[in-house]
Each structure stands twice: as C-alpha cells, then as structure tokens.
All heavy atoms as atom14 arrays in JSON, in Angstrom:
{
  "sequence": "SEQSFNFMSKDGRDEMISELGSIQNQFRATMKIIDSTSEPLAHHYGLT",
  "atom14_mask": [
    [1, 1, 1, 1, 1, 1, 0, 0, 0, 0, 0, 0, 0, 0],
    [1, 1, 1, 1, 1, 1, 1, 1, 1, 0, 0, 0, 0, 0],
    [1, 1, 1, 1, 1, 1, 1, 1, 1, 0, 0, 0, 0, 0],
    [1, 1, 1, 1, 1, 1, 0, 0, 0, 0, 0, 0, 0, 0],
    [1, 1, 1, 1, 1, 1, 1, 1, 1, 1, 1, 0, 0, 0],
    [1, 1, 1, 1, 1, 1, 1, 1, 0, 0, 0, 0, 0, 0],
    [1, 1, 1, 1, 1, 1, 1, 1, 1, 1, 1, 0, 0, 0],
    [1, 1, 1, 1, 1, 1, 1, 1, 0, 0, 0, 0, 0, 0],
    [1, 1, 1, 1, 1, 1, 0, 0, 0, 0, 0, 0, 0, 0],
    [1, 1, 1, 1, 1, 1, 1, 1, 1, 0, 0, 0, 0, 0],
    [1, 1, 1, 1, 1, 1, 1, 1, 0, 0, 0, 0, 0, 0],
    [1, 1, 1, 1, 0, 0, 0, 0, 0, 0, 0, 0, 0, 0],
    [1, 1, 1, 1, 1, 1, 1, 1, 1, 1, 1, 0, 0, 0],
    [1, 1, 1, 1, 1, 1, 1, 1, 0, 0, 0, 0, 0, 0],
    [1, 1, 1, 1, 1, 1, 1, 1, 1, 0, 0, 0, 0, 0],
    [1, 1, 1, 1, 1, 1, 1, 1, 0, 0, 0, 0, 0, 0],
    [1, 1, 1, 1, 1, 1, 1, 1, 0, 0, 0, 0, 0, 0],
    [1, 1, 1, 1, 1, 1, 0, 0, 0, 0, 0, 0, 0, 0],
    [1, 1, 1, 1, 1, 1, 1, 1, 1, 0, 0, 0, 0, 0],
    [1, 1, 1, 1, 1, 1, 1, 1, 0, 0, 0, 0, 0, 0],
    [1, 1, 1, 1, 0, 0, 0, 0, 0, 0, 0, 0, 0, 0],
    [1, 1, 1, 1, 1, 1, 0, 0, 0, 0, 0, 0, 0, 0],
    [1, 1, 1, 1, 1, 1, 1, 1, 0, 0, 0, 0, 0, 0],
    [1, 1, 1, 1, 1, 1, 1, 1, 1, 0, 0, 0, 0, 0],
    [1, 1, 1, 1, 1, 1, 1, 1, 0, 0, 0, 0, 0, 0],
    [1, 1, 1, 1, 1, 1, 1, 1, 1, 0, 0, 0, 0, 0],
    [1, 1, 1, 1, 1, 1, 1, 1, 1, 1, 1, 0, 0, 0],
    [1, 1, 1, 1, 1, 1, 1, 1, 1, 1, 1, 0, 0, 0],
    [1, 1, 1, 1, 1, 0, 0, 0, 0, 0, 0, 0, 0, 0],
    [1, 1, 1, 1, 1, 1, 1, 0, 0, 0, 0, 0, 0, 0],
    [1, 1, 1, 1, 1, 1, 1, 1, 0, 0, 0, 0, 0, 0],
    [1, 1, 1, 1, 1, 1, 1, 1, 1, 0, 0, 0, 0, 0],
    [1, 1, 1, 1, 1, 1, 1, 1, 0, 0, 0, 0, 0, 0],
    [1, 1, 1, 1, 1, 1, 1, 1, 0, 0, 0, 0, 0, 0],
    [1, 1, 1, 1, 1, 1, 1, 1, 0, 0, 0, 0, 0, 0],
    [1, 1, 1, 1, 1, 1, 0, 0, 0, 0, 0, 0, 0, 0],
    [1, 1, 1, 1, 1, 1, 1, 0, 0, 0, 0, 0, 0, 0],
    [1, 1, 1, 1, 1, 1, 0, 0, 0, 0, 0, 0, 0, 0],
    [1, 1, 1, 1, 1, 1, 1, 1, 1, 0, 0, 0, 0, 0],
    [1, 1, 1, 1, 1, 1, 1, 0, 0, 0, 0, 0, 0, 0],
    [1, 1, 1, 1, 1, 1, 1, 1, 0, 0, 0, 0, 0, 0],
    [1, 1, 1, 1, 1, 0, 0, 0, 0, 0, 0, 0, 0, 0],
    [1, 1, 1, 1, 1, 1, 1, 1, 1, 1, 0, 0, 0, 0],
    [1, 1, 1, 1, 1, 1, 1, 1, 1, 1, 0, 0, 0, 0],
    [1, 1, 1, 1, 1, 1, 1, 1, 1, 1, 1, 1, 0, 0],
    [1, 1, 1, 1, 0, 0, 0, 0, 0, 0, 0, 0, 0, 0],
    [1, 1, 1, 1, 1, 1, 1, 1, 0, 0, 0, 0, 0, 0],
    [1, 1, 1, 1, 1, 1, 1, 0, 0, 0, 0, 0, 0, 0]
  ],
  "atom14_positions": [
    [[0.84, -1.21, 0.0], [0.0, 0.0, 0.0], [0.88, 1.26, 0.0], [0.54, 2.24, -0.66], [-0.96, 0.0, 1.19], [-0.27, -0.01, 2.4], [0.0, 0.0, 0.0], [0.0, 0.0, 0.0], [0.0, 0.0, 0.0], [0.0, 0.0, 0.0], [0.0, 0.0, 0.0], [0.0, 0.0, 0.0], [0.0, 0.0, 0.0], [0.0, 0.0, 0.0]],
    [[2.02, 1.2, 0.71], [2.95, 2.34, 0.68], [3.56, 2.54, -0.7], [3.87, 3.66, -1.09], [4.14, 2.07, 1.61], [3.92, 2.25, 3.06], [5.19, 1.87, 3.83], [6.27, 1.72, 3.22], [5.08, 1.71, 5.04], [0.0, 0.0, 0.0], [0.0, 0.0, 0.0], [0.0, 0.0, 0.0], [0.0, 0.0, 0.0], [0.0, 0.0, 0.0]],
    [[3.77, 1.46, -1.39], [4.49, 1.49, -2.66], [3.57, 1.51, -3.88], [4.05, 1.35, -5.01], [5.42, 0.27, -2.75], [6.5, 0.23, -1.69], [7.48, 1.37, -1.84], [7.76, 1.84, -2.94], [8.02, 1.83, -0.73], [0.0, 0.0, 0.0], [0.0, 0.0, 0.0], [0.0, 0.0, 0.0], [0.0, 0.0, 0.0], [0.0, 0.0, 0.0]],
    [[2.3, 1.73, -3.68], [1.35, 1.63, -4.8], [1.7, 2.57, -5.95], [1.57, 2.21, -7.12], [-0.08, 1.87, -4.31], [-0.2, 3.15, -3.73], [0.0, 0.0, 0.0], [0.0, 0.0, 0.0], [0.0, 0.0, 0.0], [0.0, 0.0, 0.0], [0.0, 0.0, 0.0], [0.0, 0.0, 0.0], [0.0, 0.0, 0.0], [0.0, 0.0, 0.0]],
    [[2.16, 3.76, -5.63], [2.53, 4.69, -6.69], [3.79, 4.2, -7.42], [3.84, 4.2, -8.65], [2.74, 6.1, -6.12], [3.03, 7.13, -7.17], [2.02, 7.6, -8.0], [4.32, 7.6, -7.36], [2.29, 8.55, -9.0], [4.59, 8.54, -8.34], [3.58, 9.01, -9.17], [0.0, 0.0, 0.0], [0.0, 0.0, 0.0], [0.0, 0.0, 0.0]],
    [[4.82, 3.8, -6.67], [6.05, 3.29, -7.28], [5.8, 2.06, -8.14], [6.45, 1.87, -9.17], [7.09, 2.94, -6.2], [7.81, 4.16, -5.68], [7.8, 5.22, -6.31], [8.41, 4.02, -4.52], [0.0, 0.0, 0.0], [0.0, 0.0, 0.0], [0.0, 0.0, 0.0], [0.0, 0.0, 0.0], [0.0, 0.0, 0.0], [0.0, 0.0, 0.0]],
    [[4.88, 1.23, -7.7], [4.61, -0.02, -8.39], [4.09, 0.21, -9.81], [4.2, -0.67, -10.67], [3.6, -0.84, -7.58], [3.53, -2.28, -7.96], [4.59, -3.13, -7.75], [2.37, -2.8, -8.52], [4.52, -4.47, -8.09], [2.29, -4.14, -8.86], [3.37, -4.98, -8.64], [0.0, 0.0, 0.0], [0.0, 0.0, 0.0], [0.0, 0.0, 0.0]],
    [[3.61, 1.4, -10.09], [3.0, 1.69, -11.39], [4.02, 2.04, -12.47], [3.68, 2.05, -13.66], [1.97, 2.81, -11.25], [0.79, 2.38, -10.41], [-0.42, 3.63, -9.92], [-0.34, 4.9, -11.11], [0.0, 0.0, 0.0], [0.0, 0.0, 0.0], [0.0, 0.0, 0.0], [0.0, 0.0, 0.0], [0.0, 0.0, 0.0], [0.0, 0.0, 0.0]],
    [[5.28, 2.29, -12.12], [6.28, 2.66, -13.13], [7.5, 1.76, -13.04], [7.81, 1.21, -11.98], [6.7, 4.12, -12.96], [7.5, 4.27, -11.8], [0.0, 0.0, 0.0], [0.0, 0.0, 0.0], [0.0, 0.0, 0.0], [0.0, 0.0, 0.0], [0.0, 0.0, 0.0], [0.0, 0.0, 0.0], [0.0, 0.0, 0.0], [0.0, 0.0, 0.0]],
    [[8.24, 1.67, -14.13], [9.46, 0.87, -14.15], [10.47, 1.4, -13.15], [11.06, 0.63, -12.38], [10.06, 0.83, -15.55], [11.33, -0.03, -15.61], [12.0, 0.03, -16.94], [13.26, -0.82, -17.02], [14.1, -0.9, -15.86], [0.0, 0.0, 0.0], [0.0, 0.0, 0.0], [0.0, 0.0, 0.0], [0.0, 0.0, 0.0], [0.0, 0.0, 0.0]],
    [[10.69, 2.71, -13.15], [11.65, 3.3, -12.21], [11.22, 3.03, -10.76], [12.06, 2.74, -9.91], [11.8, 4.8, -12.44], [12.54, 5.12, -13.73], [13.22, 4.22, -14.27], [12.46, 6.28, -14.19], [0.0, 0.0, 0.0], [0.0, 0.0, 0.0], [0.0, 0.0, 0.0], [0.0, 0.0, 0.0], [0.0, 0.0, 0.0], [0.0, 0.0, 0.0]],
    [[9.94, 3.15, -10.49], [9.44, 2.88, -9.14], [9.64, 1.43, -8.75], [10.04, 1.13, -7.62], [0.0, 0.0, 0.0], [0.0, 0.0, 0.0], [0.0, 0.0, 0.0], [0.0, 0.0, 0.0], [0.0, 0.0, 0.0], [0.0, 0.0, 0.0], [0.0, 0.0, 0.0], [0.0, 0.0, 0.0], [0.0, 0.0, 0.0], [0.0, 0.0, 0.0]],
    [[9.36, 0.52, -9.69], [9.58, -0.91, -9.4], [11.06, -1.2, -9.19], [11.43, -1.99, -8.32], [8.98, -1.77, -10.5], [7.45, -1.78, -10.5], [6.88, -2.81, -11.46], [7.24, -2.56, -12.86], [6.56, -1.77, -13.69], [5.47, -1.14, -13.27], [6.96, -1.61, -14.94], [0.0, 0.0, 0.0], [0.0, 0.0, 0.0], [0.0, 0.0, 0.0]],
    [[11.93, -0.53, -9.96], [13.37, -0.69, -9.75], [13.76, -0.25, -8.34], [14.57, -0.9, -7.67], [14.17, 0.11, -10.78], [14.19, -0.52, -12.16], [13.94, -1.75, -12.26], [14.48, 0.21, -13.13], [0.0, 0.0, 0.0], [0.0, 0.0, 0.0], [0.0, 0.0, 0.0], [0.0, 0.0, 0.0], [0.0, 0.0, 0.0], [0.0, 0.0, 0.0]],
    [[13.19, 0.86, -7.87], [13.44, 1.32, -6.5], [12.97, 0.28, -5.49], [13.65, 0.02, -4.49], [12.72, 2.65, -6.24], [13.35, 3.85, -6.88], [12.57, 5.13, -6.58], [12.04, 5.26, -5.44], [12.49, 5.97, -7.48], [0.0, 0.0, 0.0], [0.0, 0.0, 0.0], [0.0, 0.0, 0.0], [0.0, 0.0, 0.0], [0.0, 0.0, 0.0]],
    [[11.8, -0.3, -5.74], [11.27, -1.32, -4.84], [12.2, -2.52, -4.79], [12.51, -3.04, -3.7], [9.87, -1.75, -5.28], [8.81, -0.69, -5.12], [7.22, -1.14, -5.88], [6.66, -2.41, -4.74], [0.0, 0.0, 0.0], [0.0, 0.0, 0.0], [0.0, 0.0, 0.0], [0.0, 0.0, 0.0], [0.0, 0.0, 0.0], [0.0, 0.0, 0.0]],
    [[12.67, -2.97, -5.94], [13.58, -4.11, -5.99], [14.86, -3.81, -5.23], [15.36, -4.65, -4.47], [13.85, -4.53, -7.46], [12.6, -5.16, -8.07], [15.05, -5.47, -7.55], [12.66, -5.36, -9.57], [0.0, 0.0, 0.0], [0.0, 0.0, 0.0], [0.0, 0.0, 0.0], [0.0, 0.0, 0.0], [0.0, 0.0, 0.0], [0.0, 0.0, 0.0]],
    [[15.39, -2.62, -5.41], [16.6, -2.22, -4.69], [16.36, -2.2, -3.18], [17.18, -2.71, -2.4], [17.05, -0.85, -5.19], [18.18, -0.42, -4.46], [0.0, 0.0, 0.0], [0.0, 0.0, 0.0], [0.0, 0.0, 0.0], [0.0, 0.0, 0.0], [0.0, 0.0, 0.0], [0.0, 0.0, 0.0], [0.0, 0.0, 0.0], [0.0, 0.0, 0.0]],
    [[15.26, -1.61, -2.77], [14.95, -1.55, -1.34], [14.74, -2.95, -0.77], [15.23, -3.26, 0.32], [13.7, -0.7, -1.1], [13.35, -0.64, 0.38], [12.04, 0.08, 0.65], [11.13, 0.07, -0.2], [11.95, 0.65, 1.76], [0.0, 0.0, 0.0], [0.0, 0.0, 0.0], [0.0, 0.0, 0.0], [0.0, 0.0, 0.0], [0.0, 0.0, 0.0]],
    [[14.03, -3.79, -1.48], [13.8, -5.16, -1.0], [15.12, -5.93, -0.89], [15.31, -6.71, 0.04], [12.82, -5.89, -1.93], [11.38, -5.39, -1.83], [10.55, -5.88, -3.02], [10.74, -5.79, -0.5], [0.0, 0.0, 0.0], [0.0, 0.0, 0.0], [0.0, 0.0, 0.0], [0.0, 0.0, 0.0], [0.0, 0.0, 0.0], [0.0, 0.0, 0.0]],
    [[16.05, -5.66, -1.79], [17.38, -6.27, -1.7], [18.11, -5.83, -0.43], [18.77, -6.63, 0.24], [0.0, 0.0, 0.0], [0.0, 0.0, 0.0], [0.0, 0.0, 0.0], [0.0, 0.0, 0.0], [0.0, 0.0, 0.0], [0.0, 0.0, 0.0], [0.0, 0.0, 0.0], [0.0, 0.0, 0.0], [0.0, 0.0, 0.0], [0.0, 0.0, 0.0]],
    [[17.99, -4.56, -0.1], [18.6, -4.04, 1.13], [17.98, -4.67, 2.36], [18.68, -5.01, 3.32], [18.45, -2.52, 1.21], [19.18, -1.9, 0.18], [0.0, 0.0, 0.0], [0.0, 0.0, 0.0], [0.0, 0.0, 0.0], [0.0, 0.0, 0.0], [0.0, 0.0, 0.0], [0.0, 0.0, 0.0], [0.0, 0.0, 0.0], [0.0, 0.0, 0.0]],
    [[16.68, -4.84, 2.35], [15.99, -5.48, 3.47], [16.44, -6.94, 3.6], [16.69, -7.42, 4.7], [14.45, -5.37, 3.31], [14.02, -3.91, 3.43], [13.72, -6.25, 4.33], [12.58, -3.63, 3.02], [0.0, 0.0, 0.0], [0.0, 0.0, 0.0], [0.0, 0.0, 0.0], [0.0, 0.0, 0.0], [0.0, 0.0, 0.0], [0.0, 0.0, 0.0]],
    [[16.55, -7.62, 2.47], [17.04, -9.01, 2.49], [18.43, -9.07, 3.13], [18.7, -9.94, 3.97], [17.1, -9.58, 1.07], [15.77, -9.76, 0.41], [15.89, -9.91, -1.1], [16.96, -10.19, -1.63], [14.78, -9.71, -1.8], [0.0, 0.0, 0.0], [0.0, 0.0, 0.0], [0.0, 0.0, 0.0], [0.0, 0.0, 0.0], [0.0, 0.0, 0.0]],
    [[19.3, -8.15, 2.75], [20.66, -8.13, 3.3], [20.64, -7.85, 4.8], [21.45, -8.42, 5.55], [21.52, -7.1, 2.56], [21.84, -7.55, 1.15], [21.82, -8.73, 0.83], [22.11, -6.59, 0.29], [0.0, 0.0, 0.0], [0.0, 0.0, 0.0], [0.0, 0.0, 0.0], [0.0, 0.0, 0.0], [0.0, 0.0, 0.0], [0.0, 0.0, 0.0]],
    [[19.74, -6.98, 5.24], [19.6, -6.7, 6.67], [19.2, -7.97, 7.43], [19.77, -8.29, 8.47], [18.58, -5.59, 6.91], [18.29, -5.31, 8.38], [19.47, -4.72, 9.11], [20.23, -3.94, 8.56], [19.64, -5.09, 10.37], [0.0, 0.0, 0.0], [0.0, 0.0, 0.0], [0.0, 0.0, 0.0], [0.0, 0.0, 0.0], [0.0, 0.0, 0.0]],
    [[18.22, -8.7, 6.9], [17.8, -9.95, 7.55], [18.95, -10.95, 7.59], [19.17, -11.61, 8.6], [16.6, -10.56, 6.83], [15.3, -9.79, 6.98], [14.32, -9.88, 6.01], [15.05, -8.97, 8.08], [13.12, -9.2, 6.14], [13.85, -8.27, 8.22], [12.89, -8.39, 7.25], [0.0, 0.0, 0.0], [0.0, 0.0, 0.0], [0.0, 0.0, 0.0]],
    [[19.69, -11.07, 6.48], [20.82, -12.01, 6.44], [21.89, -11.64, 7.47], [22.42, -12.5, 8.17], [21.45, -12.03, 5.05], [20.65, -12.78, 4.02], [21.42, -12.84, 2.69], [20.63, -13.45, 1.66], [20.05, -12.79, 0.66], [20.18, -11.47, 0.55], [19.35, -13.43, -0.25], [0.0, 0.0, 0.0], [0.0, 0.0, 0.0], [0.0, 0.0, 0.0]],
    [[22.21, -10.36, 7.56], [23.24, -9.91, 8.5], [22.79, -10.16, 9.94], [23.61, -10.57, 10.78], [23.54, -8.43, 8.28], [0.0, 0.0, 0.0], [0.0, 0.0, 0.0], [0.0, 0.0, 0.0], [0.0, 0.0, 0.0], [0.0, 0.0, 0.0], [0.0, 0.0, 0.0], [0.0, 0.0, 0.0], [0.0, 0.0, 0.0], [0.0, 0.0, 0.0]],
    [[21.53, -9.94, 10.22], [21.01, -10.16, 11.57], [21.06, -11.66, 11.91], [21.48, -12.04, 13.01], [19.59, -9.61, 11.7], [19.59, -8.22, 11.32], [19.07, -9.73, 13.13], [0.0, 0.0, 0.0], [0.0, 0.0, 0.0], [0.0, 0.0, 0.0], [0.0, 0.0, 0.0], [0.0, 0.0, 0.0], [0.0, 0.0, 0.0], [0.0, 0.0, 0.0]],
    [[20.66, -12.49, 10.96], [20.75, -13.95, 11.19], [22.18, -14.38, 11.44], [22.45, -15.18, 12.33], [20.21, -14.72, 9.97], [18.73, -14.83, 9.92], [18.18, -15.91, 8.57], [18.5, -14.89, 7.15], [0.0, 0.0, 0.0], [0.0, 0.0, 0.0], [0.0, 0.0, 0.0], [0.0, 0.0, 0.0], [0.0, 0.0, 0.0], [0.0, 0.0, 0.0]],
    [[23.09, -13.84, 10.66], [24.5, -14.24, 10.77], [25.04, -13.94, 12.16], [25.71, -14.78, 12.77], [25.33, -13.53, 9.7], [26.77, -13.96, 9.67], [27.51, -13.29, 8.53], [28.97, -13.74, 8.51], [29.7, -13.16, 7.4], [0.0, 0.0, 0.0], [0.0, 0.0, 0.0], [0.0, 0.0, 0.0], [0.0, 0.0, 0.0], [0.0, 0.0, 0.0]],
    [[24.75, -12.77, 12.68], [25.28, -12.41, 13.99], [24.59, -13.21, 15.1], [25.24, -13.63, 16.06], [25.21, -10.88, 14.24], [26.13, -10.51, 15.4], [23.81, -10.39, 14.46], [26.4, -9.03, 15.52], [0.0, 0.0, 0.0], [0.0, 0.0, 0.0], [0.0, 0.0, 0.0], [0.0, 0.0, 0.0], [0.0, 0.0, 0.0], [0.0, 0.0, 0.0]],
    [[23.31, -13.47, 14.98], [22.61, -14.29, 15.98], [23.14, -15.72, 15.94], [23.44, -16.31, 16.98], [21.08, -14.25, 15.77], [20.55, -12.87, 16.14], [20.39, -15.32, 16.61], [19.1, -12.66, 15.78], [0.0, 0.0, 0.0], [0.0, 0.0, 0.0], [0.0, 0.0, 0.0], [0.0, 0.0, 0.0], [0.0, 0.0, 0.0], [0.0, 0.0, 0.0]],
    [[23.27, -16.26, 14.74], [23.76, -17.64, 14.61], [25.18, -17.77, 15.14], [25.52, -18.78, 15.77], [23.69, -18.1, 13.15], [22.25, -18.24, 12.65], [21.31, -18.21, 13.48], [22.08, -18.37, 11.42], [0.0, 0.0, 0.0], [0.0, 0.0, 0.0], [0.0, 0.0, 0.0], [0.0, 0.0, 0.0], [0.0, 0.0, 0.0], [0.0, 0.0, 0.0]],
    [[26.02, -16.76, 14.91], [27.39, -16.84, 15.41], [27.44, -16.78, 16.93], [28.34, -17.33, 17.56], [28.26, -15.73, 14.8], [27.9, -14.47, 15.31], [0.0, 0.0, 0.0], [0.0, 0.0, 0.0], [0.0, 0.0, 0.0], [0.0, 0.0, 0.0], [0.0, 0.0, 0.0], [0.0, 0.0, 0.0], [0.0, 0.0, 0.0], [0.0, 0.0, 0.0]],
    [[26.44, -16.15, 17.54], [26.34, -16.1, 18.99], [25.84, -17.43, 19.55], [26.27, -17.88, 20.61], [25.39, -14.96, 19.42], [25.84, -13.74, 18.86], [25.3, -14.83, 20.92], [0.0, 0.0, 0.0], [0.0, 0.0, 0.0], [0.0, 0.0, 0.0], [0.0, 0.0, 0.0], [0.0, 0.0, 0.0], [0.0, 0.0, 0.0], [0.0, 0.0, 0.0]],
    [[24.94, -18.08, 18.82], [24.35, -19.34, 19.28], [25.27, -20.54, 19.05], [25.21, -21.51, 19.8], [23.03, -19.61, 18.54], [22.14, -18.55, 18.7], [0.0, 0.0, 0.0], [0.0, 0.0, 0.0], [0.0, 0.0, 0.0], [0.0, 0.0, 0.0], [0.0, 0.0, 0.0], [0.0, 0.0, 0.0], [0.0, 0.0, 0.0], [0.0, 0.0, 0.0]],
    [[26.1, -20.47, 18.04], [26.9, -21.63, 17.62], [27.79, -22.21, 18.73], [27.8, -23.43, 18.91], [27.75, -21.26, 16.4], [28.41, -22.46, 15.77], [29.09, -22.08, 14.48], [28.39, -21.61, 13.55], [30.32, -22.24, 14.41], [0.0, 0.0, 0.0], [0.0, 0.0, 0.0], [0.0, 0.0, 0.0], [0.0, 0.0, 0.0], [0.0, 0.0, 0.0]],
    [[28.53, -21.4, 19.49], [29.36, -22.01, 20.54], [28.56, -22.81, 21.57], [28.99, -23.88, 22.0], [30.05, -20.81, 21.2], [30.03, -19.74, 20.17], [28.76, -19.96, 19.4], [0.0, 0.0, 0.0], [0.0, 0.0, 0.0], [0.0, 0.0, 0.0], [0.0, 0.0, 0.0], [0.0, 0.0, 0.0], [0.0, 0.0, 0.0], [0.0, 0.0, 0.0]],
    [[27.38, -22.31, 21.94], [26.56, -23.04, 22.89], [25.96, -24.29, 22.26], [25.83, -25.33, 22.92], [25.47, -22.14, 23.47], [24.85, -22.62, 24.77], [25.9, -22.89, 25.85], [23.85, -21.6, 25.28], [0.0, 0.0, 0.0], [0.0, 0.0, 0.0], [0.0, 0.0, 0.0], [0.0, 0.0, 0.0], [0.0, 0.0, 0.0], [0.0, 0.0, 0.0]],
    [[25.64, -24.22, 20.98], [25.15, -25.4, 20.27], [26.22, -26.5, 20.31], [25.9, -27.67, 20.58], [24.79, -25.05, 18.83], [0.0, 0.0, 0.0], [0.0, 0.0, 0.0], [0.0, 0.0, 0.0], [0.0, 0.0, 0.0], [0.0, 0.0, 0.0], [0.0, 0.0, 0.0], [0.0, 0.0, 0.0], [0.0, 0.0, 0.0], [0.0, 0.0, 0.0]],
    [[27.46, -26.14, 20.08], [28.55, -27.11, 20.15], [28.69, -27.66, 21.56], [28.92, -28.85, 21.75], [29.87, -26.48, 19.68], [29.94, -26.28, 18.21], [30.35, -27.26, 17.34], [29.62, -25.2, 17.44], [30.29, -26.81, 16.11], [29.85, -25.56, 16.14], [0.0, 0.0, 0.0], [0.0, 0.0, 0.0], [0.0, 0.0, 0.0], [0.0, 0.0, 0.0]],
    [[28.52, -26.8, 22.56], [28.59, -27.22, 23.96], [27.56, -28.31, 24.25], [27.83, -29.25, 24.99], [28.38, -26.02, 24.88], [28.19, -26.38, 26.31], [29.24, -26.73, 27.13], [27.06, -26.45, 27.07], [28.77, -27.01, 28.34], [27.45, -26.83, 28.33], [0.0, 0.0, 0.0], [0.0, 0.0, 0.0], [0.0, 0.0, 0.0], [0.0, 0.0, 0.0]],
    [[26.38, -28.18, 23.67], [25.32, -29.16, 23.89], [25.4, -30.34, 22.92], [24.52, -31.19, 22.91], [23.94, -28.49, 23.8], [23.61, -27.68, 25.03], [23.47, -26.31, 24.95], [23.45, -28.29, 26.27], [23.16, -25.55, 26.07], [23.16, -27.55, 27.4], [23.01, -26.18, 27.3], [22.72, -25.44, 28.42], [0.0, 0.0, 0.0], [0.0, 0.0, 0.0]],
    [[26.44, -30.37, 22.11], [26.67, -31.53, 21.24], [26.17, -31.4, 19.83], [26.26, -32.37, 19.06], [0.0, 0.0, 0.0], [0.0, 0.0, 0.0], [0.0, 0.0, 0.0], [0.0, 0.0, 0.0], [0.0, 0.0, 0.0], [0.0, 0.0, 0.0], [0.0, 0.0, 0.0], [0.0, 0.0, 0.0], [0.0, 0.0, 0.0], [0.0, 0.0, 0.0]],
    [[25.68, -30.26, 19.45], [25.22, -30.07, 18.07], [26.4, -29.59, 17.23], [26.59, -28.41, 17.01], [24.06, -29.07, 18.01], [23.41, -28.9, 16.63], [22.83, -30.21, 16.12], [22.32, -27.85, 16.7], [0.0, 0.0, 0.0], [0.0, 0.0, 0.0], [0.0, 0.0, 0.0], [0.0, 0.0, 0.0], [0.0, 0.0, 0.0], [0.0, 0.0, 0.0]],
    [[27.21, -30.52, 16.8], [28.42, -30.21, 16.05], [28.09, -30.08, 14.56], [27.0, -30.48, 14.11], [29.47, -31.31, 16.23], [28.92, -32.55, 15.71], [29.83, -31.49, 17.7], [0.0, 0.0, 0.0], [0.0, 0.0, 0.0], [0.0, 0.0, 0.0], [0.0, 0.0, 0.0], [0.0, 0.0, 0.0], [0.0, 0.0, 0.0], [0.0, 0.0, 0.0]]
  ]
}
C-alpha cells in the first residue's frame, strides 16, 4: 500500500527491488550475527 505509486512505473519498481534487496541483506546480517552467537553453545550441547 505504501508502494502503490512506485509499483506503477518501471523506475518505481526498480526502487522497490533495490529496497527489497537491502531489506534481504539486513535480515541475512542479523541472522548471521545471531547464529554466530548461538553456535558455541550449540557445540557445547553436542550439536556439532
């Protein structure tokens, strides 16, 4: 609903794709840091 105007043009859709890529990267980076924090304890409990 926020992007309804952008969705109507090629340039707007390109902006949406770029922004969605940035959001994807944010989620990946957050997972990576959480997983790196959990991994030592996982090994401690035997999940090698």
